[in-house]
N, C-alpha and C. Protein backbone atom coordinates (compact mmCIF):
# COMPACT_ATOMS: atom_id res chain seq x y z
N MET A 1 -12.61 13.80 25.75
CA MET A 1 -12.39 14.49 24.50
C MET A 1 -11.57 15.75 24.77
N GLU A 2 -10.62 16.00 23.89
CA GLU A 2 -9.79 17.19 24.05
C GLU A 2 -10.63 18.46 23.84
N PRO A 3 -10.22 19.54 24.50
CA PRO A 3 -10.94 20.80 24.25
C PRO A 3 -10.68 21.25 22.81
N ALA A 4 -11.67 21.83 22.20
CA ALA A 4 -11.55 22.29 20.81
C ALA A 4 -10.66 23.52 20.74
N GLU A 5 -9.94 23.60 19.64
CA GLU A 5 -9.11 24.79 19.38
C GLU A 5 -9.63 25.43 18.11
N LYS A 6 -9.88 26.70 18.16
CA LYS A 6 -10.42 27.42 17.02
C LYS A 6 -9.27 27.82 16.09
N LEU A 7 -9.43 27.46 14.81
CA LEU A 7 -8.44 27.80 13.79
C LEU A 7 -9.14 28.53 12.65
N SER A 8 -8.38 29.29 11.94
CA SER A 8 -8.89 29.94 10.74
C SER A 8 -8.17 29.33 9.56
N VAL A 9 -8.91 28.86 8.57
CA VAL A 9 -8.30 28.25 7.40
C VAL A 9 -8.79 28.95 6.14
N THR A 10 -7.95 28.93 5.13
CA THR A 10 -8.31 29.48 3.84
C THR A 10 -8.42 28.33 2.86
N VAL A 11 -9.53 28.25 2.14
CA VAL A 11 -9.75 27.19 1.17
C VAL A 11 -10.07 27.81 -0.18
N THR A 12 -9.95 26.99 -1.21
CA THR A 12 -10.27 27.47 -2.56
C THR A 12 -11.78 27.65 -2.67
N PRO A 13 -12.23 28.43 -3.65
CA PRO A 13 -13.68 28.58 -3.84
C PRO A 13 -14.38 27.24 -4.07
N ALA A 14 -13.74 26.31 -4.78
CA ALA A 14 -14.35 25.01 -5.03
C ALA A 14 -14.50 24.23 -3.72
N MET A 15 -13.50 24.32 -2.86
CA MET A 15 -13.58 23.63 -1.57
C MET A 15 -14.67 24.26 -0.70
N ALA A 16 -14.74 25.58 -0.69
CA ALA A 16 -15.76 26.27 0.10
C ALA A 16 -17.16 25.88 -0.39
N ARG A 17 -17.33 25.79 -1.72
CA ARG A 17 -18.62 25.40 -2.30
C ARG A 17 -18.98 23.97 -1.86
N MET A 18 -18.00 23.06 -1.88
CA MET A 18 -18.25 21.68 -1.48
C MET A 18 -18.64 21.62 0.00
N ILE A 19 -17.96 22.37 0.83
CA ILE A 19 -18.28 22.40 2.26
C ILE A 19 -19.71 22.90 2.46
N ARG A 20 -20.05 24.00 1.80
CA ARG A 20 -21.42 24.55 1.92
C ARG A 20 -22.46 23.54 1.44
N GLU A 21 -22.18 22.87 0.33
CA GLU A 21 -23.13 21.89 -0.22
C GLU A 21 -23.35 20.74 0.76
N LYS A 22 -22.29 20.27 1.41
CA LYS A 22 -22.41 19.17 2.37
C LYS A 22 -23.25 19.58 3.58
N VAL A 23 -23.13 20.83 3.98
CA VAL A 23 -23.94 21.32 5.10
C VAL A 23 -25.39 21.51 4.64
N GLU A 24 -25.56 22.11 3.46
CA GLU A 24 -26.90 22.39 2.96
C GLU A 24 -27.70 21.12 2.66
N ASP A 25 -27.01 20.05 2.19
CA ASP A 25 -27.76 18.82 1.88
C ASP A 25 -27.98 17.96 3.12
N GLY A 26 -27.51 18.43 4.28
CA GLY A 26 -27.77 17.73 5.53
C GLY A 26 -26.76 16.65 5.88
N SER A 27 -25.72 16.49 5.04
CA SER A 27 -24.70 15.48 5.34
C SER A 27 -23.95 15.81 6.62
N PHE A 28 -23.78 17.09 6.88
CA PHE A 28 -23.06 17.56 8.06
C PHE A 28 -23.82 18.72 8.67
N GLY A 29 -23.62 18.93 9.96
CA GLY A 29 -24.31 20.01 10.66
C GLY A 29 -23.64 21.35 10.52
N SER A 30 -22.34 21.35 10.21
CA SER A 30 -21.62 22.62 10.12
C SER A 30 -20.38 22.44 9.26
N ALA A 31 -19.81 23.57 8.88
CA ALA A 31 -18.57 23.54 8.11
C ALA A 31 -17.46 22.88 8.94
N SER A 32 -17.47 23.12 10.23
CA SER A 32 -16.47 22.51 11.11
C SER A 32 -16.53 20.99 11.07
N GLU A 33 -17.76 20.45 11.03
CA GLU A 33 -17.91 19.00 10.95
C GLU A 33 -17.34 18.45 9.64
N VAL A 34 -17.56 19.18 8.56
CA VAL A 34 -17.02 18.75 7.26
C VAL A 34 -15.50 18.72 7.32
N ILE A 35 -14.91 19.77 7.86
CA ILE A 35 -13.45 19.86 7.95
C ILE A 35 -12.90 18.76 8.86
N ARG A 36 -13.55 18.52 10.00
CA ARG A 36 -13.09 17.46 10.90
C ARG A 36 -13.16 16.09 10.23
N ALA A 37 -14.22 15.84 9.48
CA ALA A 37 -14.34 14.56 8.76
C ALA A 37 -13.22 14.43 7.72
N ALA A 38 -12.93 15.52 7.04
CA ALA A 38 -11.86 15.49 6.04
C ALA A 38 -10.51 15.24 6.71
N LEU A 39 -10.28 15.84 7.85
CA LEU A 39 -9.02 15.62 8.57
C LEU A 39 -8.91 14.20 9.10
N ARG A 40 -10.03 13.62 9.55
CA ARG A 40 -10.00 12.22 9.98
C ARG A 40 -9.66 11.30 8.81
N ALA A 41 -10.24 11.58 7.63
CA ALA A 41 -9.93 10.78 6.44
C ALA A 41 -8.46 10.94 6.07
N PHE A 42 -7.95 12.15 6.16
CA PHE A 42 -6.53 12.40 5.86
C PHE A 42 -5.64 11.65 6.85
N GLN A 43 -6.03 11.65 8.11
CA GLN A 43 -5.25 10.95 9.14
C GLN A 43 -5.23 9.44 8.86
N ARG A 44 -6.39 8.87 8.49
CA ARG A 44 -6.44 7.44 8.14
C ARG A 44 -5.54 7.15 6.93
N GLU A 45 -5.60 8.00 5.94
CA GLU A 45 -4.77 7.84 4.73
C GLU A 45 -3.29 7.87 5.09
N GLU A 46 -2.91 8.78 5.94
CA GLU A 46 -1.51 8.89 6.37
C GLU A 46 -1.08 7.64 7.13
N GLU A 47 -1.94 7.13 8.00
CA GLU A 47 -1.62 5.92 8.77
C GLU A 47 -1.47 4.71 7.83
N GLU A 48 -2.38 4.60 6.86
CA GLU A 48 -2.30 3.50 5.90
C GLU A 48 -1.02 3.59 5.06
N HIS A 49 -0.67 4.80 4.68
CA HIS A 49 0.57 5.01 3.92
C HIS A 49 1.78 4.59 4.76
N ALA A 50 1.79 4.96 6.02
CA ALA A 50 2.90 4.60 6.91
C ALA A 50 2.99 3.08 7.05
N GLU A 51 1.84 2.42 7.16
CA GLU A 51 1.83 0.95 7.26
C GLU A 51 2.36 0.32 5.97
N ARG A 52 1.95 0.84 4.81
CA ARG A 52 2.45 0.31 3.53
C ARG A 52 3.95 0.50 3.42
N MET A 53 4.44 1.66 3.81
CA MET A 53 5.88 1.92 3.74
C MET A 53 6.65 1.00 4.68
N ALA A 54 6.12 0.76 5.87
CA ALA A 54 6.78 -0.15 6.82
C ALA A 54 6.83 -1.56 6.24
N SER A 55 5.76 -1.97 5.59
CA SER A 55 5.72 -3.30 4.97
C SER A 55 6.74 -3.39 3.84
N ILE A 56 6.82 -2.37 3.02
CA ILE A 56 7.79 -2.36 1.92
C ILE A 56 9.21 -2.39 2.48
N ARG A 57 9.47 -1.58 3.49
CA ARG A 57 10.81 -1.57 4.09
C ARG A 57 11.18 -2.94 4.66
N ALA A 58 10.21 -3.60 5.30
CA ALA A 58 10.47 -4.92 5.87
C ALA A 58 10.79 -5.93 4.77
N ARG A 59 10.05 -5.85 3.65
CA ARG A 59 10.32 -6.78 2.54
C ARG A 59 11.67 -6.51 1.90
N VAL A 60 12.03 -5.24 1.76
CA VAL A 60 13.34 -4.89 1.20
C VAL A 60 14.44 -5.39 2.12
N LYS A 61 14.28 -5.17 3.43
CA LYS A 61 15.28 -5.63 4.40
C LYS A 61 15.43 -7.14 4.34
N ALA A 62 14.31 -7.86 4.28
CA ALA A 62 14.36 -9.32 4.20
C ALA A 62 15.05 -9.76 2.93
N SER A 63 14.81 -9.06 1.85
CA SER A 63 15.45 -9.40 0.58
C SER A 63 16.95 -9.17 0.64
N ILE A 64 17.35 -8.06 1.24
CA ILE A 64 18.78 -7.74 1.36
C ILE A 64 19.48 -8.77 2.24
N GLU A 65 18.78 -9.21 3.30
CA GLU A 65 19.38 -10.16 4.25
C GLU A 65 19.25 -11.62 3.80
N ASP A 66 18.60 -11.86 2.67
CA ASP A 66 18.40 -13.22 2.16
C ASP A 66 19.76 -13.83 1.82
N THR A 67 20.05 -14.99 2.38
CA THR A 67 21.36 -15.62 2.19
C THR A 67 21.39 -16.56 1.00
N ARG A 68 20.27 -16.72 0.33
CA ARG A 68 20.29 -17.58 -0.85
C ARG A 68 21.18 -16.96 -1.92
N PRO A 69 21.82 -17.80 -2.75
CA PRO A 69 22.74 -17.24 -3.76
C PRO A 69 21.99 -16.44 -4.81
N ASN A 70 22.67 -15.40 -5.30
CA ASN A 70 22.13 -14.62 -6.40
C ASN A 70 22.42 -15.35 -7.69
N LEU A 71 21.43 -15.51 -8.53
CA LEU A 71 21.61 -16.20 -9.80
C LEU A 71 21.16 -15.29 -10.93
N SER A 72 21.89 -15.37 -12.03
CA SER A 72 21.47 -14.62 -13.21
C SER A 72 20.31 -15.37 -13.86
N GLY A 73 19.66 -14.73 -14.80
CA GLY A 73 18.58 -15.38 -15.52
C GLY A 73 19.06 -16.62 -16.24
N GLU A 74 20.25 -16.53 -16.83
CA GLU A 74 20.80 -17.68 -17.55
C GLU A 74 21.09 -18.84 -16.60
N GLU A 75 21.61 -18.52 -15.41
CA GLU A 75 21.88 -19.58 -14.43
C GLU A 75 20.59 -20.26 -14.00
N VAL A 76 19.54 -19.50 -13.84
CA VAL A 76 18.24 -20.08 -13.47
C VAL A 76 17.75 -20.98 -14.58
N ARG A 77 17.83 -20.50 -15.83
CA ARG A 77 17.40 -21.33 -16.97
C ARG A 77 18.20 -22.62 -17.04
N ASP A 78 19.54 -22.54 -16.83
CA ASP A 78 20.38 -23.74 -16.87
C ASP A 78 19.96 -24.74 -15.78
N ARG A 79 19.70 -24.23 -14.58
CA ARG A 79 19.27 -25.12 -13.50
C ARG A 79 17.93 -25.77 -13.81
N LEU A 80 17.02 -24.98 -14.35
CA LEU A 80 15.71 -25.53 -14.70
C LEU A 80 15.83 -26.58 -15.81
N ARG A 81 16.67 -26.31 -16.79
CA ARG A 81 16.90 -27.30 -17.85
C ARG A 81 17.45 -28.59 -17.24
N GLY A 82 18.39 -28.48 -16.29
CA GLY A 82 18.96 -29.65 -15.64
C GLY A 82 17.91 -30.43 -14.86
N PHE A 83 17.06 -29.70 -14.11
CA PHE A 83 15.99 -30.37 -13.38
C PHE A 83 15.04 -31.07 -14.34
N PHE A 84 14.70 -30.38 -15.42
CA PHE A 84 13.77 -30.96 -16.39
C PHE A 84 14.38 -32.20 -17.03
N ALA A 85 15.65 -32.12 -17.41
CA ALA A 85 16.32 -33.27 -18.02
C ALA A 85 16.35 -34.44 -17.03
N GLN A 86 16.65 -34.15 -15.78
CA GLN A 86 16.70 -35.20 -14.76
C GLN A 86 15.31 -35.81 -14.57
N TYR A 87 14.29 -34.99 -14.52
CA TYR A 87 12.92 -35.47 -14.34
C TYR A 87 12.52 -36.31 -15.56
N SER A 88 12.85 -35.84 -16.76
CA SER A 88 12.50 -36.56 -17.98
C SER A 88 13.15 -37.93 -18.03
N SER A 89 14.43 -38.02 -17.61
CA SER A 89 15.13 -39.30 -17.64
C SER A 89 14.52 -40.27 -16.63
N HIS A 90 14.07 -39.76 -15.48
CA HIS A 90 13.41 -40.62 -14.48
C HIS A 90 12.06 -41.10 -15.01
N ALA A 91 11.35 -40.23 -15.69
CA ALA A 91 10.04 -40.61 -16.24
C ALA A 91 10.24 -41.65 -17.35
N ASP A 92 11.29 -41.49 -18.17
CA ASP A 92 11.56 -42.46 -19.24
C ASP A 92 11.93 -43.83 -18.64
N ASP A 93 12.73 -43.82 -17.56
CA ASP A 93 13.14 -45.08 -16.90
C ASP A 93 11.91 -45.79 -16.32
N SER A 94 10.95 -45.02 -15.77
CA SER A 94 9.77 -45.62 -15.16
C SER A 94 8.85 -46.23 -16.22
N ALA A 95 8.82 -45.61 -17.39
CA ALA A 95 7.94 -46.10 -18.46
C ALA A 95 8.48 -47.39 -19.08
N ALA A 96 9.79 -47.61 -19.01
CA ALA A 96 10.41 -48.79 -19.65
C ALA A 96 10.19 -50.05 -18.90
């Protein structure tokens, strides 16, 4: 474990009250423990945010590098209509 470094921090009255309450209700042994727990939670949050951003960047990169043709909404609808018409004609031929 790394040696502890003593820091002085300034918090709002509401934060100070919350820290005192956590110590008084026995959740933590000292104000330092409360602050360390809060910093660990902040560190986890930052790591999760970095992971989410990396995932988003990877998806954007994959999308940009996608070699499939770009189609407008109308082009997609036309293709779907064509597929549907082709499927319908095959189904009609099978029923006859």
